PDB file of N, CA and C in Angstrom:
ATOM      1  N   MET A   1      12.362 -14.601   9.982  1.00  0.00           N
ATOM      2  CA  MET A   1      11.426 -13.645   9.428  1.00  0.00           C
ATOM      3  C   MET A   1      10.026 -14.023   9.927  1.00  0.00           C
ATOM      4  N   THR A   2       9.300 -13.048  10.430  1.00  0.00           N
ATOM      5  CA  THR A   2       7.966 -13.301  10.973  1.00  0.00           C
ATOM      6  C   THR A   2       6.952 -13.537   9.865  1.00  0.00           C
ATOM      7  N   ARG A   3       5.821 -14.115  10.247  1.00  0.00           N
ATOM      8  CA  ARG A   3       4.736 -14.323   9.277  1.00  0.00           C
ATOM      9  C   ARG A   3       4.278 -12.986   8.700  1.00  0.00           C
ATOM     10  N   TYR A   4       4.226 -11.972   9.555  1.00  0.00           N
ATOM     11  CA  TYR A   4       3.792 -10.647   9.103  1.00  0.00           C
ATOM     12  C   TYR A   4       4.739 -10.108   8.035  1.00  0.00           C
ATOM     13  N   ALA A   5       6.043 -10.237   8.258  1.00  0.00           N
ATOM     14  CA  ALA A   5       7.026  -9.742   7.292  1.00  0.00           C
ATOM     15  C   ALA A   5       6.903 -10.486   5.966  1.00  0.00           C
ATOM     16  N   ILE A   6       6.696 -11.796   6.043  1.00  0.00           N
ATOM     17  CA  ILE A   6       6.523 -12.586   4.822  1.00  0.00           C
ATOM     18  C   ILE A   6       5.276 -12.134   4.083  1.00  0.00           C
ATOM     19  N   PHE A   7       4.194 -11.903   4.834  1.00  0.00           N
ATOM     20  CA  PHE A   7       2.953 -11.449   4.209  1.00  0.00           C
ATOM     21  C   PHE A   7       3.139 -10.087   3.544  1.00  0.00           C
ATOM     22  N   VAL A   8       3.822  -9.170   4.222  1.00  0.00           N
ATOM     23  CA  VAL A   8       4.041  -7.831   3.665  1.00  0.00           C
ATOM     24  C   VAL A   8       4.858  -7.919   2.376  1.00  0.00           C
ATOM     25  N   ILE A   9       5.884  -8.747   2.367  1.00  0.00           N
ATOM     26  CA  ILE A   9       6.696  -8.919   1.158  1.00  0.00           C
ATOM     27  C   ILE A   9       5.840  -9.489   0.030  1.00  0.00           C
ATOM     28  N   PHE A  10       5.019 -10.497   0.357  1.00  0.00           N
ATOM     29  CA  PHE A  10       4.113 -11.078  -0.644  1.00  0.00           C
ATOM     30  C   PHE A  10       3.153 -10.026  -1.175  1.00  0.00           C
ATOM     31  N   LEU A  11       2.588  -9.220  -0.279  1.00  0.00           N
ATOM     32  CA  LEU A  11       1.629  -8.195  -0.670  1.00  0.00           C
ATOM     33  C   LEU A  11       2.287  -7.150  -1.576  1.00  0.00           C
ATOM     34  N   ILE A  12       3.478  -6.715  -1.223  1.00  0.00           N
ATOM     35  CA  ILE A  12       4.196  -5.715  -2.027  1.00  0.00           C
ATOM     36  C   ILE A  12       4.490  -6.268  -3.418  1.00  0.00           C
ATOM     37  N   ARG A  13       4.956  -7.503  -3.493  1.00  0.00           N
ATOM     38  CA  ARG A  13       5.255  -8.094  -4.808  1.00  0.00           C
ATOM     39  C   ARG A  13       3.988  -8.264  -5.632  1.00  0.00           C
ATOM     40  N   THR A  14       2.885  -8.597  -4.981  1.00  0.00           N
ATOM     41  CA  THR A  14       1.612  -8.734  -5.693  1.00  0.00           C
ATOM     42  C   THR A  14       1.163  -7.390  -6.234  1.00  0.00           C
ATOM     43  N   VAL A  15       1.226  -6.350  -5.395  1.00  0.00           N
ATOM     44  CA  VAL A  15       0.782  -5.018  -5.800  1.00  0.00           C
ATOM     45  C   VAL A  15       1.658  -4.477  -6.922  1.00  0.00           C
ATOM     46  N   GLN A  16       2.942  -4.764  -6.891  1.00  0.00           N
ATOM     47  CA  GLN A  16       3.831  -4.289  -7.953  1.00  0.00           C
ATOM     48  C   GLN A  16       3.431  -4.851  -9.311  1.00  0.00           C
ATOM     49  N   GLY A  17       2.752  -5.991  -9.323  1.00  0.00           N
ATOM     50  CA  GLY A  17       2.328  -6.597 -10.573  1.00  0.00           C
ATOM     51  C   GLY A  17       1.014  -6.056 -11.102  1.00  0.00           C
ATOM     52  N   PHE A  18       0.321  -5.219 -10.310  1.00  0.00           N
ATOM     53  CA  PHE A  18      -0.965  -4.674 -10.745  1.00  0.00           C
ATOM     54  C   PHE A  18      -0.765  -3.683 -11.881  1.00  0.00           C
ATOM     55  N   GLU A  19      -1.730  -3.620 -12.742  1.00  0.00           N
ATOM     56  CA  GLU A  19      -1.727  -2.603 -13.781  1.00  0.00           C
ATOM     57  C   GLU A  19      -2.203  -1.294 -13.178  1.00  0.00           C
ATOM     58  N   GLU A  20      -1.759  -0.184 -13.732  1.00  0.00           N
ATOM     59  CA  GLU A  20      -2.165   1.124 -13.219  1.00  0.00           C
ATOM     60  C   GLU A  20      -3.677   1.302 -13.282  1.00  0.00           C
ATOM     61  N   SER A  21      -4.329   0.644 -14.210  1.00  0.00           N
ATOM     62  CA  SER A  21      -5.767   0.821 -14.409  1.00  0.00           C
ATOM     63  C   SER A  21      -6.606   0.337 -13.237  1.00  0.00           C
ATOM     64  N   ILE A  22      -6.016  -0.402 -12.280  1.00  0.00           N
ATOM     65  CA  ILE A  22      -6.822  -0.860 -11.145  1.00  0.00           C
ATOM     66  C   ILE A  22      -7.174   0.283 -10.209  1.00  0.00           C
ATOM     67  N   PHE A  23      -6.452   1.386 -10.286  1.00  0.00           N
ATOM     68  CA  PHE A  23      -6.718   2.512  -9.407  1.00  0.00           C
ATOM     69  C   PHE A  23      -7.754   3.414 -10.061  1.00  0.00           C
ATOM     70  N   GLU A  24      -8.982   2.953 -10.112  1.00  0.00           N
ATOM     71  CA  GLU A  24     -10.036   3.681 -10.792  1.00  0.00           C
ATOM     72  C   GLU A  24     -11.140   4.061  -9.813  1.00  0.00           C
ATOM     73  N   ASP A  25     -12.340   4.208 -10.320  1.00  0.00           N
ATOM     74  CA  ASP A  25     -13.456   4.744  -9.550  1.00  0.00           C
ATOM     75  C   ASP A  25     -13.648   4.127  -8.175  1.00  0.00           C
ATOM     76  N   GLU A  26     -13.497   2.796  -8.043  1.00  0.00           N
ATOM     77  CA  GLU A  26     -13.792   2.194  -6.753  1.00  0.00           C
ATOM     78  C   GLU A  26     -12.896   2.744  -5.645  1.00  0.00           C
ATOM     79  N   ASP A  27     -11.648   3.142  -5.970  1.00  0.00           N
ATOM     80  CA  ASP A  27     -10.756   3.708  -4.968  1.00  0.00           C
ATOM     81  C   ASP A  27     -10.958   5.215  -4.829  1.00  0.00           C
ATOM     82  N   ILE A  28     -11.230   5.888  -5.914  1.00  0.00           N
ATOM     83  CA  ILE A  28     -11.266   7.338  -5.916  1.00  0.00           C
ATOM     84  C   ILE A  28     -12.576   7.895  -5.375  1.00  0.00           C
ATOM     85  N   TYR A  29     -13.679   7.298  -5.732  1.00  0.00           N
ATOM     86  CA  TYR A  29     -14.974   7.887  -5.413  1.00  0.00           C
ATOM     87  C   TYR A  29     -15.772   7.130  -4.362  1.00  0.00           C
ATOM     88  N   ARG A  30     -15.144   6.214  -3.645  1.00  0.00           N
ATOM     89  CA  ARG A  30     -15.774   5.466  -2.552  1.00  0.00           C
ATOM     90  C   ARG A  30     -17.017   4.700  -2.994  1.00  0.00           C
ATOM     91  N   ILE A  31     -17.039   4.237  -4.191  1.00  0.00           N
ATOM     92  CA  ILE A  31     -18.160   3.454  -4.683  1.00  0.00           C
ATOM     93  C   ILE A  31     -17.912   2.001  -4.296  1.00  0.00           C
ATOM     94  N   TYR A  32     -18.905   1.370  -3.668  1.00  0.00           N
ATOM     95  CA  TYR A  32     -18.768  -0.039  -3.323  1.00  0.00           C
ATOM     96  C   TYR A  32     -18.713  -0.852  -4.609  1.00  0.00           C
ATOM     97  N   VAL A  33     -17.696  -1.682  -4.737  1.00  0.00           N
ATOM     98  CA  VAL A  33     -17.528  -2.483  -5.936  1.00  0.00           C
ATOM     99  C   VAL A  33     -18.015  -3.895  -5.636  1.00  0.00           C
ATOM    100  N   PRO A  34     -19.000  -4.389  -6.379  1.00  0.00           N
ATOM    101  CA  PRO A  34     -19.488  -5.745  -6.125  1.00  0.00           C
ATOM    102  C   PRO A  34     -18.412  -6.788  -6.400  1.00  0.00           C
ATOM    103  N   ALA A  35     -18.609  -7.964  -5.844  1.00  0.00           N
ATOM    104  CA  ALA A  35     -17.650  -9.052  -6.035  1.00  0.00           C
ATOM    105  C   ALA A  35     -17.438  -9.322  -7.519  1.00  0.00           C
ATOM    106  N   GLN A  36     -16.200  -9.619  -7.859  1.00  0.00           N
ATOM    107  CA  GLN A  36     -15.852  -9.922  -9.242  1.00  0.00           C
ATOM    108  C   GLN A  36     -15.425 -11.384  -9.327  1.00  0.00           C
ATOM    109  N   PRO A  37     -15.560 -12.010 -10.461  1.00  0.00           N
ATOM    110  CA  PRO A  37     -15.080 -13.385 -10.612  1.00  0.00           C
ATOM    111  C   PRO A  37     -13.583 -13.452 -10.347  1.00  0.00           C
ATOM    112  N   PRO A  38     -13.096 -14.504  -9.691  1.00  0.00           N
ATOM    113  CA  PRO A  38     -11.668 -14.615  -9.384  1.00  0.00           C
ATOM    114  C   PRO A  38     -10.776 -14.507 -10.610  1.00  0.00           C
ATOM    115  N   SER A  39     -11.261 -14.863 -11.772  1.00  0.00           N
ATOM    116  CA  SER A  39     -10.421 -14.829 -12.964  1.00  0.00           C
ATOM    117  C   SER A  39     -10.104 -13.408 -13.420  1.00  0.00           C
ATOM    118  N   THR A  40     -10.846 -12.405 -12.929  1.00  0.00           N
ATOM    119  CA  THR A  40     -10.616 -11.039 -13.383  1.00  0.00           C
ATOM    120  C   THR A  40      -9.856 -10.190 -12.370  1.00  0.00           C
ATOM    121  N   SER A  41      -9.578 -10.726 -11.201  1.00  0.00           N
ATOM    122  CA  SER A  41      -8.842  -9.940 -10.213  1.00  0.00           C
ATOM    123  C   SER A  41      -8.002 -10.858  -9.338  1.00  0.00           C
ATOM    124  N   THR A  42      -6.990 -10.279  -8.727  1.00  0.00           N
ATOM    125  CA  THR A  42      -6.129 -11.022  -7.829  1.00  0.00           C
ATOM    126  C   THR A  42      -6.323 -10.473  -6.429  1.00  0.00           C
ATOM    127  N   ILE A  43      -7.046 -11.195  -5.614  1.00  0.00           N
ATOM    128  CA  ILE A  43      -7.247 -10.817  -4.219  1.00  0.00           C
ATOM    129  C   ILE A  43      -6.263 -11.642  -3.394  1.00  0.00           C
ATOM    130  N   VAL A  44      -5.591 -11.003  -2.450  1.00  0.00           N
ATOM    131  CA  VAL A  44      -4.612 -11.696  -1.616  1.00  0.00           C
ATOM    132  C   VAL A  44      -5.314 -12.836  -0.878  1.00  0.00           C
ATOM    133  N   PRO A  45      -4.750 -14.047  -0.918  1.00  0.00           N
ATOM    134  CA  PRO A  45      -5.372 -15.184  -0.228  1.00  0.00           C
ATOM    135  C   PRO A  45      -5.615 -14.883   1.250  1.00  0.00           C
ATOM    136  N   GLY A  46      -6.778 -15.285   1.746  1.00  0.00           N
ATOM    137  CA  GLY A  46      -7.144 -15.046   3.139  1.00  0.00           C
ATOM    138  C   GLY A  46      -7.832 -13.713   3.351  1.00  0.00           C
ATOM    139  N   THR A  47      -7.968 -12.926   2.275  1.00  0.00           N
ATOM    140  CA  THR A  47      -8.633 -11.626   2.373  1.00  0.00           C
ATOM    141  C   THR A  47      -9.749 -11.542   1.340  1.00  0.00           C
ATOM    142  N   LYS A  48     -10.584 -10.535   1.494  1.00  0.00           N
ATOM    143  CA  LYS A  48     -11.638 -10.264   0.517  1.00  0.00           C
ATOM    144  C   LYS A  48     -11.550  -8.838  -0.016  1.00  0.00           C
ATOM    145  N   TRP A  49     -10.668  -8.030   0.595  1.00  0.00           N
ATOM    146  CA  TRP A  49     -10.567  -6.613   0.225  1.00  0.00           C
ATOM    147  C   TRP A  49      -9.182  -6.223  -0.287  1.00  0.00           C
ATOM    148  N   CYS A  50      -8.181  -7.100  -0.201  1.00  0.00           N
ATOM    149  CA  CYS A  50      -6.804  -6.729  -0.551  1.00  0.00           C
ATOM    150  C   CYS A  50      -6.487  -7.102  -1.991  1.00  0.00           C
ATOM    151  N   GLY A  51      -6.588  -6.127  -2.859  1.00  0.00           N
ATOM    152  CA  GLY A  51      -6.356  -6.304  -4.284  1.00  0.00           C
ATOM    153  C   GLY A  51      -7.314  -5.403  -5.036  1.00  0.00           C
ATOM    154  N   PRO A  52      -7.297  -5.472  -6.353  1.00  0.00           N
ATOM    155  CA  PRO A  52      -8.223  -4.632  -7.124  1.00  0.00           C
ATOM    156  C   PRO A  52      -9.654  -5.108  -6.920  1.00  0.00           C
ATOM    157  N   GLY A  53     -10.542  -4.194  -6.585  1.00  0.00           N
ATOM    158  CA  GLY A  53     -11.926  -4.581  -6.302  1.00  0.00           C
ATOM    159  C   GLY A  53     -11.994  -5.342  -4.996  1.00  0.00           C
ATOM    160  N   ASN A  54     -12.961  -6.217  -4.864  1.00  0.00           N
ATOM    161  CA  ASN A  54     -13.087  -7.052  -3.678  1.00  0.00           C
ATOM    162  C   ASN A  54     -13.989  -8.228  -4.001  1.00  0.00           C
ATOM    163  N   THR A  55     -13.978  -9.210  -3.110  1.00  0.00           N
ATOM    164  CA  THR A  55     -14.864 -10.364  -3.264  1.00  0.00           C
ATOM    165  C   THR A  55     -15.848 -10.444  -2.110  1.00  0.00           C
ATOM    166  N   ALA A  56     -15.987  -9.354  -1.366  1.00  0.00           N
ATOM    167  CA  ALA A  56     -16.871  -9.324  -0.200  1.00  0.00           C
ATOM    168  C   ALA A  56     -18.332  -9.231  -0.624  1.00  0.00           C
ATOM    169  N   ALA A  57     -19.198  -9.896   0.141  1.00  0.00           N
ATOM    170  CA  ALA A  57     -20.639  -9.831  -0.122  1.00  0.00           C
ATOM    171  C   ALA A  57     -21.211  -8.490   0.328  1.00  0.00           C
ATOM    172  N   ASN A  58     -20.570  -7.884   1.350  1.00  0.00           N
ATOM    173  CA  ASN A  58     -21.006  -6.583   1.855  1.00  0.00           C
ATOM    174  C   ASN A  58     -19.854  -5.957   2.632  1.00  0.00           C
ATOM    175  N   TYR A  59     -20.064  -4.768   3.160  1.00  0.00           N
ATOM    176  CA  TYR A  59     -19.009  -4.017   3.846  1.00  0.00           C
ATOM    177  C   TYR A  59     -18.427  -4.791   5.031  1.00  0.00           C
ATOM    178  N   ASP A  60     -19.244  -5.549   5.744  1.00  0.00           N
ATOM    179  CA  ASP A  60     -18.797  -6.263   6.947  1.00  0.00           C
ATOM    180  C   ASP A  60     -18.219  -7.644   6.658  1.00  0.00           C
ATOM    181  N   ASP A  61     -18.221  -8.074   5.415  1.00  0.00           N
ATOM    182  CA  ASP A  61     -17.709  -9.386   5.033  1.00  0.00           C
ATOM    183  C   ASP A  61     -16.190  -9.318   4.928  1.00  0.00           C
ATOM    184  N   LEU A  62     -15.499 -10.007   5.845  1.00  0.00           N
ATOM    185  CA  LEU A  62     -14.039 -10.002   5.890  1.00  0.00           C
ATOM    186  C   LEU A  62     -13.507 -11.421   5.741  1.00  0.00           C
ATOM    187  N   GLY A  63     -12.274 -11.549   5.258  1.00  0.00           N
ATOM    188  CA  GLY A  63     -11.636 -12.849   5.109  1.00  0.00           C
ATOM    189  C   GLY A  63     -11.034 -13.336   6.417  1.00  0.00           C
ATOM    190  N   ASN A  64     -10.312 -14.450   6.343  1.00  0.00           N
ATOM    191  CA  ASN A  64      -9.682 -15.036   7.532  1.00  0.00           C
ATOM    192  C   ASN A  64      -8.631 -14.108   8.141  1.00  0.00           C
ATOM    193  N   LEU A  65      -7.947 -13.327   7.320  1.00  0.00           N
ATOM    194  CA  LEU A  65      -6.967 -12.355   7.818  1.00  0.00           C
ATOM    195  C   LEU A  65      -7.705 -11.043   8.093  1.00  0.00           C
ATOM    196  N   ARG A  66      -8.523 -11.043   9.141  1.00  0.00           N
ATOM    197  CA  ARG A  66      -9.457  -9.952   9.422  1.00  0.00           C
ATOM    198  C   ARG A  66      -8.773  -8.594   9.569  1.00  0.00           C
ATOM    199  N   GLU A  67      -7.688  -8.531  10.338  1.00  0.00           N
ATOM    200  CA  GLU A  67      -7.018  -7.247  10.577  1.00  0.00           C
ATOM    201  C   GLU A  67      -6.459  -6.673   9.271  1.00  0.00           C
ATOM    202  N   VAL A  68      -5.849  -7.519   8.461  1.00  0.00           N
ATOM    203  CA  VAL A  68      -5.308  -7.083   7.169  1.00  0.00           C
ATOM    204  C   VAL A  68      -6.452  -6.623   6.273  1.00  0.00           C
ATOM    205  N   ASP A  69      -7.531  -7.414   6.250  1.00  0.00           N
ATOM    206  CA  ASP A  69      -8.686  -7.086   5.422  1.00  0.00           C
ATOM    207  C   ASP A  69      -9.317  -5.757   5.838  1.00  0.00           C
ATOM    208  N   MET A  70      -9.388  -5.505   7.144  1.00  0.00           N
ATOM    209  CA  MET A  70      -9.957  -4.237   7.625  1.00  0.00           C
ATOM    210  C   MET A  70      -9.114  -3.066   7.138  1.00  0.00           C
ATOM    211  N   CYS A  71      -7.799  -3.233   7.127  1.00  0.00           N
ATOM    212  CA  CYS A  71      -6.896  -2.178   6.651  1.00  0.00           C
ATOM    213  C   CYS A  71      -7.123  -1.923   5.158  1.00  0.00           C
ATOM    214  N   CYS A  72      -7.180  -2.983   4.359  1.00  0.00           N
ATOM    215  CA  CYS A  72      -7.403  -2.825   2.914  1.00  0.00           C
ATOM    216  C   CYS A  72      -8.765  -2.200   2.639  1.00  0.00           C
ATOM    217  N   ARG A  73      -9.777  -2.611   3.398  1.00  0.00           N
ATOM    218  CA  ARG A  73     -11.123  -2.049   3.228  1.00  0.00           C
ATOM    219  C   ARG A  73     -11.115  -0.558   3.560  1.00  0.00           C
ATOM    220  N   ASP A  74     -10.401  -0.179   4.629  1.00  0.00           N
ATOM    221  CA  ASP A  74     -10.297   1.244   4.983  1.00  0.00           C
ATOM    222  C   ASP A  74      -9.654   2.035   3.846  1.00  0.00           C
ATOM    223  N   HIS A  75      -8.615   1.479   3.244  1.00  0.00           N
ATOM    224  CA  HIS A  75      -7.971   2.160   2.115  1.00  0.00           C
ATOM    225  C   HIS A  75      -8.934   2.307   0.949  1.00  0.00           C
ATOM    226  N   ASP A  76      -9.725   1.267   0.687  1.00  0.00           N
ATOM    227  CA  ASP A  76     -10.696   1.331  -0.414  1.00  0.00           C
ATOM    228  C   ASP A  76     -11.756   2.397  -0.183  1.00  0.00           C
ATOM    229  N   HIS A  77     -11.998   2.753   1.081  1.00  0.00           N
ATOM    230  CA  HIS A  77     -13.050   3.717   1.405  1.00  0.00           C
ATOM    231  C   HIS A  77     -12.491   5.047   1.922  1.00  0.00           C
ATOM    232  N   CYS A  78     -11.231   5.322   1.627  1.00  0.00           N
ATOM    233  CA  CYS A  78     -10.604   6.571   2.059  1.00  0.00           C
ATOM    234  C   CYS A  78     -11.325   7.765   1.426  1.00  0.00           C
ATOM    235  N   GLU A  79     -11.603   8.779   2.232  1.00  0.00           N
ATOM    236  CA  GLU A  79     -12.347   9.951   1.761  1.00  0.00           C
ATOM    237  C   GLU A  79     -11.475  10.988   1.063  1.00  0.00           C
ATOM    238  N   SER A  80     -10.222  11.067   1.425  1.00  0.00           N
ATOM    239  CA  SER A  80      -9.367  12.129   0.905  1.00  0.00           C
ATOM    240  C   SER A  80      -8.355  11.556  -0.085  1.00  0.00           C
ATOM    241  N   ILE A  81      -8.578  11.821  -1.360  1.00  0.00           N
ATOM    242  CA  ILE A  81      -7.708  11.326  -2.422  1.00  0.00           C
ATOM    243  C   ILE A  81      -6.932  12.506  -3.014  1.00  0.00           C
ATOM    244  N   ILE A  82      -5.618  12.332  -3.156  1.00  0.00           N
ATOM    245  CA  ILE A  82      -4.787  13.354  -3.782  1.00  0.00           C
ATOM    246  C   ILE A  82      -4.463  12.872  -5.197  1.00  0.00           C
ATOM    247  N   MET A  83      -4.975  13.583  -6.178  1.00  0.00           N
ATOM    248  CA  MET A  83      -4.788  13.206  -7.578  1.00  0.00           C
ATOM    249  C   MET A  83      -3.329  13.432  -7.996  1.00  0.00           C
ATOM    250  N   PRO A  84      -2.875  12.789  -9.086  1.00  0.00           N
ATOM    251  CA  PRO A  84      -1.495  12.961  -9.549  1.00  0.00           C
ATOM    252  C   PRO A  84      -1.163  14.429  -9.828  1.00  0.00           C
ATOM    253  N   ASP A  85       0.053  14.822  -9.460  1.00  0.00           N
ATOM    254  CA  ASP A  85       0.566  16.163  -9.717  1.00  0.00           C
ATOM    255  C   ASP A  85      -0.298  17.246  -9.069  1.00  0.00           C
ATOM    256  N   VAL A  86      -0.842  16.952  -7.882  1.00  0.00           N
ATOM    257  CA  VAL A  86      -1.703  17.891  -7.161  1.00  0.00           C
ATOM    258  C   VAL A  86      -1.211  17.990  -5.720  1.00  0.00           C
ATOM    259  N   THR A  87      -1.341  19.184  -5.132  1.00  0.00           N
ATOM    260  CA  THR A  87      -1.043  19.394  -3.723  1.00  0.00           C
ATOM    261  C   THR A  87      -2.351  19.562  -2.972  1.00  0.00           C
ATOM    262  N   LEU A  88      -2.493  18.854  -1.864  1.00  0.00           N
ATOM    263  CA  LEU A  88      -3.684  18.939  -1.023  1.00  0.00           C
ATOM    264  C   LEU A  88      -3.237  18.873   0.428  1.00  0.00           C
ATOM    265  N   HIS A  89      -3.667  19.820   1.240  1.00  0.00           N
ATOM    266  CA  HIS A  89      -3.293  19.876   2.662  1.00  0.00           C
ATOM    267  C   HIS A  89      -1.770  19.864   2.836  1.00  0.00           C
ATOM    268  N   ASN A  90      -1.060  20.577   2.002  1.00  0.00           N
ATOM    269  CA  ASN A  90       0.406  20.672   2.047  1.00  0.00           C
ATOM    270  C   ASN A  90       1.114  19.362   1.692  1.00  0.00           C
ATOM    271  N   LEU A  91       0.408  18.412   1.086  1.00  0.00           N
ATOM    272  CA  LEU A  91       1.014  17.163   0.634  1.00  0.00           C
ATOM    273  C   LEU A  91       0.965  17.134  -0.890  1.00  0.00           C
ATOM    274  N   TYR A  92       2.119  16.874  -1.521  1.00  0.00           N
ATOM    275  CA  TYR A  92       2.190  16.854  -2.982  1.00  0.00           C
ATOM    276  C   TYR A  92       2.273  15.412  -3.475  1.00  0.00           C
ATOM    277  N   ASN A  93       1.433  15.049  -4.436  1.00  0.00           N
ATOM    278  CA  ASN A  93       1.465  13.724  -5.042  1.00  0.00           C
ATOM    279  C   ASN A  93       2.229  13.813  -6.358  1.00  0.00           C
ATOM    280  N   SER A  94       3.459  13.349  -6.358  1.00  0.00           N
ATOM    281  CA  SER A  94       4.288  13.386  -7.565  1.00  0.00           C
ATOM    282  C   SER A  94       4.165  12.098  -8.375  1.00  0.00           C
ATOM    283  N   ASP A  95       3.322  11.191  -7.931  1.00  0.00           N
ATOM    284  CA  ASP A  95       3.177   9.908  -8.615  1.00  0.00           C
ATOM    285  C   ASP A  95       2.241  10.014  -9.807  1.00  0.00           C
ATOM    286  N   TRP A  96       2.073   8.908 -10.534  1.00  0.00           N
ATOM    287  CA  TRP A  96       1.225   8.872 -11.724  1.00  0.00           C
ATOM    288  C   TRP A  96      -0.197   8.461 -11.413  1.00  0.00           C
ATOM    289  N   PHE A  97      -0.470   8.049 -10.196  1.00  0.00           N
ATOM    290  CA  PHE A  97      -1.812   7.611  -9.836  1.00  0.00           C
ATOM    291  C   PHE A  97      -2.220   8.253  -8.513  1.00  0.00           C
ATOM    292  N   PRO A  98      -3.505   8.283  -8.211  1.00  0.00           N
ATOM    293  CA  PRO A  98      -3.979   8.925  -6.981  1.00  0.00           C
ATOM    294  C   PRO A  98      -3.401   8.265  -5.739  1.00  0.00           C
ATOM    295  N   MET A  99      -3.252   9.053  -4.686  1.00  0.00           N
ATOM    296  CA  MET A  99      -2.824   8.514  -3.402  1.00  0.00           C
ATOM    297  C   MET A  99      -3.797   8.983  -2.330  1.00  0.00           C
ATOM    298  N   GLN A 100      -3.746   8.319  -1.190  1.00  0.00           N
ATOM    299  CA  GLN A 100      -4.659   8.643  -0.104  1.00  0.00           C
ATOM    300  C   GLN A 100      -4.022   9.598   0.883  1.00  0.00           C
ATOM    301  N   ASN A 101      -4.847  10.454   1.446  1.00  0.00           N
ATOM    302  CA  ASN A 101      -4.429  11.312   2.544  1.00  0.00           C
ATOM    303  C   ASN A 101      -5.304  10.935   3.720  1.00  0.00           C
ATOM    304  N   GLU A 102      -4.773  10.108   4.613  1.00  0.00           N
ATOM    305  CA  GLU A 102      -5.570   9.637   5.740  1.00  0.00           C
ATOM    306  C   GLU A 102      -5.295  10.432   7.011  1.00  0.00           C
ATOM    307  N   MET A 103      -4.712  11.616   6.858  1.00  0.00           N
ATOM    308  CA  MET A 103      -4.473  12.468   8.023  1.00  0.00           C
ATOM    309  C   MET A 103      -5.797  12.963   8.575  1.00  0.00           C
ATOM    310  N   GLN A 104      -5.894  13.047   9.872  1.00  0.00           N
ATOM    311  CA  GLN A 104      -7.069  13.644  10.502  1.00  0.00           C
ATOM    312  C   GLN A 104      -6.826  15.137  10.603  1.00  0.00           C
ATOM    313  N   LEU A 105      -7.649  15.908   9.931  1.00  0.00           N
ATOM    314  CA  LEU A 105      -7.457  17.367   9.926  1.00  0.00           C
ATOM    315  C   LEU A 105      -8.308  18.029  10.981  1.00  0.00           C
TER     316      LEU A 105
END
């Protein structure tokens, strides 16, 4: 199993443990969320953007896992959010929390 596969499995298991309440304003409205104390959030080790909120000092502040962190940061700043039980651009969100639509229209 590659390091990437192990990391993805770790990330999925970590995200599954998140409470639904983490998907709030910072993800939906593109508001920059200031760093939070480590005791109040679980950020994936080696990153500053992967988890609820972030621990970055600014937009360009990335952890040691730069490529992964850039992906998580992009998700945090996604412009097109599909709210629960809503159809947008022919995509239906049947889940209980908002999802991203990163399609280029």
